[in-house]
Protein backbone atom coordinates (compact mmCIF):
# COMPACT_ATOMS: atom_id res chain seq x y z
CA UNK A 1 -18.00 -8.94 -11.64
CA UNK A 2 -16.50 -6.26 -13.86
CA UNK A 3 -14.02 -3.87 -13.23
CA UNK A 4 -14.85 -0.07 -13.79
CA UNK A 5 -11.99 2.19 -14.98
CA UNK A 6 -12.25 5.47 -13.06
CA UNK A 7 -8.98 7.20 -14.30
CA UNK A 8 -6.72 6.10 -17.18
CA UNK A 9 -4.02 7.52 -15.05
CA UNK A 10 -0.94 5.49 -17.14
CA UNK A 11 0.83 5.51 -13.40
CA UNK A 12 4.30 3.60 -13.86
CA UNK A 13 3.68 2.22 -10.21
CA UNK A 14 0.53 3.07 -8.80
CA UNK A 15 0.54 2.38 -5.15
CA UNK A 16 -0.82 3.20 -1.66
CA UNK A 17 -4.38 4.00 -2.55
CA UNK A 18 -6.29 5.76 0.57
CA UNK A 19 -9.71 6.41 0.93
CA UNK A 20 -10.54 10.30 2.73
CA UNK A 21 -13.56 9.83 4.49
CA UNK A 22 -13.34 13.90 5.27
CA UNK A 23 -12.88 14.67 1.76
CA UNK A 24 -14.73 11.59 -0.06
CA UNK A 25 -11.73 11.56 -2.06
CA UNK A 26 -9.07 8.59 -3.22
CA UNK A 27 -5.49 9.55 -2.83
CA UNK A 28 -2.71 7.56 -4.07
CA UNK A 29 1.20 7.87 -5.41
CA UNK A 30 3.11 6.99 -8.44
CA UNK A 31 6.16 5.96 -7.07
CA UNK A 32 8.90 6.60 -9.74
CA UNK A 33 7.16 9.58 -11.05
CA UNK A 34 7.60 11.38 -7.63
CA UNK A 35 3.81 12.44 -7.88
CA UNK A 36 0.77 12.42 -5.12
CA UNK A 37 -2.80 11.87 -6.84
CA UNK A 38 -6.19 12.42 -5.56
CA UNK A 39 -9.39 11.72 -7.28
CA UNK A 40 -12.88 13.09 -6.27
CA UNK A 41 -15.75 10.86 -7.34
CA UNK A 42 -18.46 13.58 -6.94
CA UNK A 43 -16.89 15.88 -9.91
CA UNK A 44 -14.80 12.88 -11.59
CA UNK A 45 -11.64 15.38 -11.33
CA UNK A 46 -8.11 14.32 -10.44
CA UNK A 47 -5.47 16.36 -9.44
CA UNK A 48 -1.55 15.89 -8.33
CA UNK A 49 1.51 17.33 -6.95
CA UNK A 50 4.88 16.73 -7.38
CA UNK A 51 7.18 15.46 -4.79
CA UNK A 52 11.01 16.21 -4.29
CA UNK A 53 11.77 12.45 -3.81
CA UNK A 54 9.87 9.18 -4.71
CA UNK A 55 6.95 8.52 -2.89
CA UNK A 56 6.07 5.10 -1.67
CA UNK A 57 3.23 5.01 0.80
CA UNK A 58 1.15 7.62 2.40
CA UNK A 59 -1.37 7.73 5.63
CA UNK A 60 -3.84 10.72 6.34
CA UNK A 61 -2.74 12.98 9.54
CA UNK A 62 -5.99 14.57 10.10
CA UNK A 63 -4.86 17.78 9.72
CA UNK A 64 -5.12 18.16 6.09
CA UNK A 65 -1.71 16.48 5.55
CA UNK A 66 -0.08 13.17 5.00
CA UNK A 67 2.75 11.03 6.78
CA UNK A 68 4.85 9.84 3.29
CA UNK A 69 7.44 6.99 3.29
CA UNK A 70 10.20 8.24 0.43
CA UNK A 71 13.44 7.42 -0.34
CA UNK A 72 15.45 8.22 2.86
CA UNK A 73 12.99 8.73 5.24
CA UNK A 74 9.45 9.68 6.61
CA UNK A 75 8.36 13.12 5.91
CA UNK A 76 5.33 15.24 6.50
CA UNK A 77 3.88 16.47 3.44
CA UNK A 78 0.90 18.93 2.55
CA UNK A 79 -0.62 19.14 -0.68
CA UNK A 80 -2.04 22.76 -1.81
CA UNK A 81 -4.68 23.92 -4.08
CA UNK A 82 -2.29 25.67 -6.05
CA UNK A 83 -0.38 22.92 -6.94
CA UNK A 84 2.34 22.97 -4.76
CA UNK A 85 3.16 20.44 -2.05
CA UNK A 86 5.16 21.07 1.48
CA UNK A 87 7.31 18.49 3.06
CA UNK A 88 9.31 18.11 6.16
CA UNK A 89 11.44 15.44 7.26
CA UNK A 90 9.87 13.63 10.29
CA UNK A 91 12.26 10.65 10.61
CA UNK A 92 15.66 9.62 8.79
CA UNK A 93 16.75 6.09 8.09
CA UNK A 94 19.81 4.65 7.32
CA UNK A 95 19.79 1.81 4.93
CA UNK A 96 21.47 -1.13 4.59
CA UNK A 97 22.55 -0.76 0.73
CA UNK A 98 22.75 2.19 -1.44
CA UNK A 99 20.08 1.96 -3.87
CA UNK A 100 17.25 1.66 -1.44
CA UNK A 101 13.76 3.01 -0.71
CA UNK A 102 10.62 2.66 0.99
CA UNK A 103 7.93 0.59 -0.39
CA UNK A 104 4.37 -0.63 1.10
CA UNK A 105 3.25 0.98 4.39
CA UNK A 106 0.39 2.29 6.47
CA UNK A 107 -1.07 2.90 10.15
CA UNK A 108 -1.75 0.08 12.35
CA UNK A 109 -4.92 0.58 14.46
CA UNK A 110 -3.76 2.42 16.91
CA UNK A 111 -2.53 5.04 14.42
CA UNK A 112 1.22 3.92 14.54
CA UNK A 113 2.88 4.25 11.24
CA UNK A 114 4.70 1.22 9.69
CA UNK A 115 6.60 1.09 6.20
CA UNK A 116 9.09 -1.57 4.69
CA UNK A 117 12.41 -0.90 2.61
CA UNK A 118 13.62 -2.68 -0.34
CA UNK A 119 16.90 -2.55 -2.96
CA UNK A 120 15.43 -1.02 -5.93
CA UNK A 121 16.97 -3.30 -8.04
CA UNK A 122 14.84 -6.29 -7.68
CA UNK A 123 17.04 -8.36 -9.62
CA UNK A 124 19.71 -8.27 -7.25
CA UNK A 125 17.18 -10.33 -4.57
CA UNK A 126 19.09 -8.63 -1.55
CA UNK A 127 17.32 -9.80 1.77
CA UNK A 128 18.19 -6.40 3.26
CA UNK A 129 14.83 -4.96 3.51
CA UNK A 130 13.20 -3.93 6.83
CA UNK A 131 10.17 -2.85 8.51
CA UNK A 132 9.91 0.27 10.51
CA UNK A 133 7.46 1.54 13.08
CA UNK A 134 7.14 4.96 13.61
CA UNK A 135 5.22 7.04 16.32
CA UNK A 136 4.22 10.68 16.08
CA UNK A 137 6.27 13.00 17.43
CA UNK A 138 9.19 10.54 17.36
CA UNK A 139 12.52 12.37 17.08
CA UNK A 140 14.85 9.79 16.76
CA UNK A 141 15.99 7.96 13.56
CA UNK A 142 13.94 4.96 12.79
CA UNK A 143 14.78 1.32 13.99
CA UNK A 144 14.19 -1.90 12.15
CA UNK A 145 11.62 -3.59 13.64
CA UNK A 146 11.74 -6.90 11.19
CA UNK A 147 14.49 -7.40 9.10
CA UNK A 148 15.43 -9.98 6.14
CA UNK A 149 13.01 -8.93 3.57
CA UNK A 150 13.60 -8.66 0.03
CA UNK A 151 10.50 -6.58 -1.11
CA UNK A 152 8.18 -6.04 1.95
CA UNK A 153 4.82 -5.58 0.73
CA UNK A 154 1.11 -6.78 1.65
CA UNK A 155 0.89 -4.71 4.94
CA UNK A 156 -2.14 -4.95 6.74
CA UNK A 157 -4.05 -5.40 10.24
CA UNK A 158 -7.23 -7.30 11.47
CA UNK A 159 -10.16 -5.35 12.43
CA UNK A 160 -9.43 -5.83 15.92
CA UNK A 161 -5.69 -4.91 15.26
CA UNK A 162 -4.42 -8.12 17.01
CA UNK A 163 -2.95 -9.62 13.61
CA UNK A 164 -0.41 -8.15 11.54
CA UNK A 165 -0.20 -9.43 7.85
CA UNK A 166 2.85 -9.21 5.79
CA UNK A 167 4.35 -10.23 2.45
CA UNK A 168 7.36 -10.56 0.62
CA UNK A 169 6.49 -10.25 -3.18
CA UNK A 170 9.55 -10.96 -4.44
CA UNK A 171 9.72 -13.80 -6.97
CA UNK A 172 11.86 -15.73 -4.96
CA UNK A 173 9.95 -15.77 -1.77
CA UNK A 174 6.16 -15.24 -2.64
CA UNK A 175 4.89 -15.76 0.97
CA UNK A 176 2.48 -14.07 3.18
CA UNK A 177 2.71 -14.14 7.09
CA UNK A 178 0.61 -13.38 10.18
CA UNK A 179 1.97 -12.16 13.33
CA UNK A 180 0.21 -11.77 16.49
CA UNK A 181 0.34 -7.74 17.17
CA UNK A 182 0.54 -6.37 20.73
CA UNK A 183 -1.44 -3.30 20.15
CA UNK A 184 -0.30 -1.83 23.39
CA UNK A 185 3.56 -1.88 22.42
CA UNK A 186 2.88 -2.01 18.67
CA UNK A 187 5.05 -5.29 18.53
CA UNK A 188 4.70 -8.31 16.31
CA UNK A 189 5.60 -11.61 17.14
CA UNK A 190 4.87 -15.65 16.34
CA UNK A 191 5.26 -14.93 12.73
CA UNK A 192 3.51 -17.93 10.78
CA UNK A 193 2.87 -18.98 7.26
CA UNK A 194 -0.71 -17.36 6.27
CA UNK A 195 -0.61 -18.00 2.56
CA UNK A 196 1.82 -19.42 0.08
CA UNK A 197 1.45 -17.49 -3.03
CA UNK A 198 3.42 -20.03 -4.93
CA UNK A 199 0.04 -21.83 -4.86
CA UNK A 200 -1.90 -19.02 -6.34
CA UNK A 201 -1.67 -16.88 -9.55
CA UNK A 202 0.32 -13.61 -9.18
CA UNK A 203 2.61 -12.56 -6.83
CA UNK A 204 1.54 -10.84 -3.62
CA UNK A 205 1.53 -7.05 -3.60
CA UNK A 206 -0.54 -4.48 -1.95
CA UNK A 207 -3.22 -5.50 0.33
CA UNK A 208 -6.22 -4.30 2.39
CA UNK A 209 -8.69 -6.19 5.25
CA UNK A 210 -12.34 -5.87 4.77
CA UNK A 211 -15.19 -5.56 7.83
CA UNK A 212 -15.53 -9.08 7.95
CA UNK A 213 -11.61 -9.69 8.47
CA UNK A 214 -10.97 -11.07 5.47
CA UNK A 215 -7.45 -10.26 3.71
CA UNK A 216 -7.30 -8.86 0.03
CA UNK A 217 -4.16 -8.92 -1.75
CA UNK A 218 -3.15 -7.80 -5.26
CA UNK A 219 -1.90 -10.98 -7.46
CA UNK A 220 0.55 -8.97 -9.52
CA UNK A 221 1.19 -10.44 -12.84
CA UNK A 222 -1.77 -12.31 -13.03
CA UNK A 223 -4.71 -9.90 -13.03
CA UNK A 224 -6.26 -10.85 -10.29
CA UNK A 225 -7.42 -9.70 -6.64
CA UNK A 226 -7.70 -12.38 -4.19
CA UNK A 227 -9.74 -12.73 -0.87
CA UNK A 228 -8.25 -15.16 1.62
CA UNK A 229 -10.12 -15.66 4.80
CA UNK A 230 -8.66 -15.30 8.40
CA UNK A 231 -7.86 -19.17 8.20
CA UNK A 232 -6.05 -18.31 5.14
CA UNK A 233 -8.31 -20.08 2.56
CA UNK A 234 -8.97 -18.49 -0.80
CA UNK A 235 -12.55 -17.43 -0.71
CA UNK A 236 -12.77 -15.55 -4.27
CA UNK A 237 -10.54 -14.06 -7.02
CA UNK A 238 -11.70 -10.66 -8.89
CA UNK A 239 -10.40 -9.78 -12.39
CA UNK A 240 -8.96 -6.36 -13.51
CA UNK A 241 -8.09 -5.85 -17.04
CA UNK A 242 -4.31 -5.15 -16.41
CA UNK A 243 -1.75 -7.87 -15.66
CA UNK A 244 -0.22 -5.74 -12.68
CA UNK A 245 -2.71 -4.27 -9.90
CA UNK A 246 -0.65 -2.99 -7.29
CA UNK A 247 -2.45 -2.56 -4.00
CA UNK A 248 -6.15 -2.15 -3.07
CA UNK A 249 -8.42 -0.15 -0.69
CA UNK A 250 -11.78 0.29 0.39
CA UNK A 251 -13.65 3.29 -0.04
CA UNK A 252 -16.80 5.13 -1.27
CA UNK A 253 -19.52 6.89 0.81
CA UNK A 254 -20.44 3.20 2.47
CA UNK A 255 -16.72 1.81 2.20
CA UNK A 256 -18.18 -0.80 -0.34
CA UNK A 257 -15.85 0.04 -3.18
CA UNK A 258 -12.60 -1.86 -3.81
CA UNK A 259 -10.32 0.54 -5.52
CA UNK A 260 -7.29 -0.67 -7.29
CA UNK A 261 -3.87 0.95 -8.73
CA UNK A 262 -1.88 -0.74 -11.22
CA UNK A 263 1.35 -0.89 -12.80
CA UNK A 264 2.16 0.55 -16.37
CA UNK A 265 5.27 -1.51 -17.35
CA UNK A 266 7.67 -0.33 -20.28
CA UNK A 267 6.81 -2.41 -23.80
CA UNK A 268 4.06 -3.39 -25.58
CA UNK A 269 1.01 -2.87 -23.97
CA UNK A 270 -1.28 -3.68 -26.80
CA UNK A 271 -2.96 -6.39 -24.62
CA UNK A 272 -3.31 -4.40 -21.77
CA UNK A 273 -3.77 -0.76 -22.94
CA UNK A 274 -5.33 0.35 -19.27
CA UNK A 275 -2.20 -0.73 -17.62
CA UNK A 276 -1.35 1.91 -14.86
CA UNK A 277 -5.32 2.98 -14.52
CA UNK A 278 -7.26 3.04 -11.36
CA UNK A 279 -10.02 0.69 -10.92
CA UNK A 280 -13.27 0.09 -8.93
CA UNK A 281 -14.87 -2.81 -8.28
CA UNK A 282 -18.34 -3.79 -6.04
CA UNK A 283 -17.36 -7.03 -3.90
CA UNK A 284 -20.35 -6.81 -1.88
CA UNK A 285 -18.24 -6.56 1.38
CA UNK A 286 -17.37 -3.29 3.23
CA UNK A 287 -14.06 -2.04 4.15
CA UNK A 288 -12.86 -0.31 7.37
CA UNK A 289 -11.84 3.30 7.92
CA UNK A 290 -7.94 3.96 7.19
CA UNK A 291 -6.45 4.72 10.53
CA UNK A 292 -5.11 8.18 11.16
CA UNK A 293 -1.38 8.91 12.35
CA UNK A 294 -1.74 9.03 16.11
CA UNK A 295 -0.97 12.49 16.47
């Protein structure tokens, strides 16, 4: 299966692709560039907006705006046709250490927004990252729901919402866990090992779940997208022409396209000139609509 380049975006760290069904367009972020991007397959045009802080992950609100996890909290952001981007703080966070930001995140099936934090200096290997949950209208500061993570990643929910998947992509960990998830309270419990990525190529990065309940995760450093069954068995691996795929998301008119964002590292890129691009794959299965924030 050949990956199609849809945009030579050259993102430093392209992350959090989200398909907007209402707009039939793909949104994503470039974290260090502090930019929100939008691409429409109808006309092939790309637009971007500059934020005041690093954007780590986004989710739709259903009102033409988005919730974004940034450096020091969660923000409501609204992109405008004139290129401006409004932002408003929704909930602040108190980080465990200086030099931290949010990383991976998304809404659960009930519309609660989850996002994790990390120390930006990955070499430090500091296990002070945490997962936070936000309910629309919440006014109090965010409280950690899961702790002890270095680089929280791979957040996804099963089709029925009753299983939460989470990974730690730091080279010292490289594991994916599954949790039972109480859909009434938004509480994960019964943590267990789902996949040890030390047994597979690539570090676990961003993820998606398809309509059959299988878990797709980017194998960072290996140029692969892996599909695991709900039992944690490797089903297949798809290739992309870059070493660092960062996150995948289902989209397209029939939700049968797997979009993949990627990272463009510094240095010689002669062997991967398309690094930082956005790609599309046709895996033969469909995804699920990404939940909106529950407001």
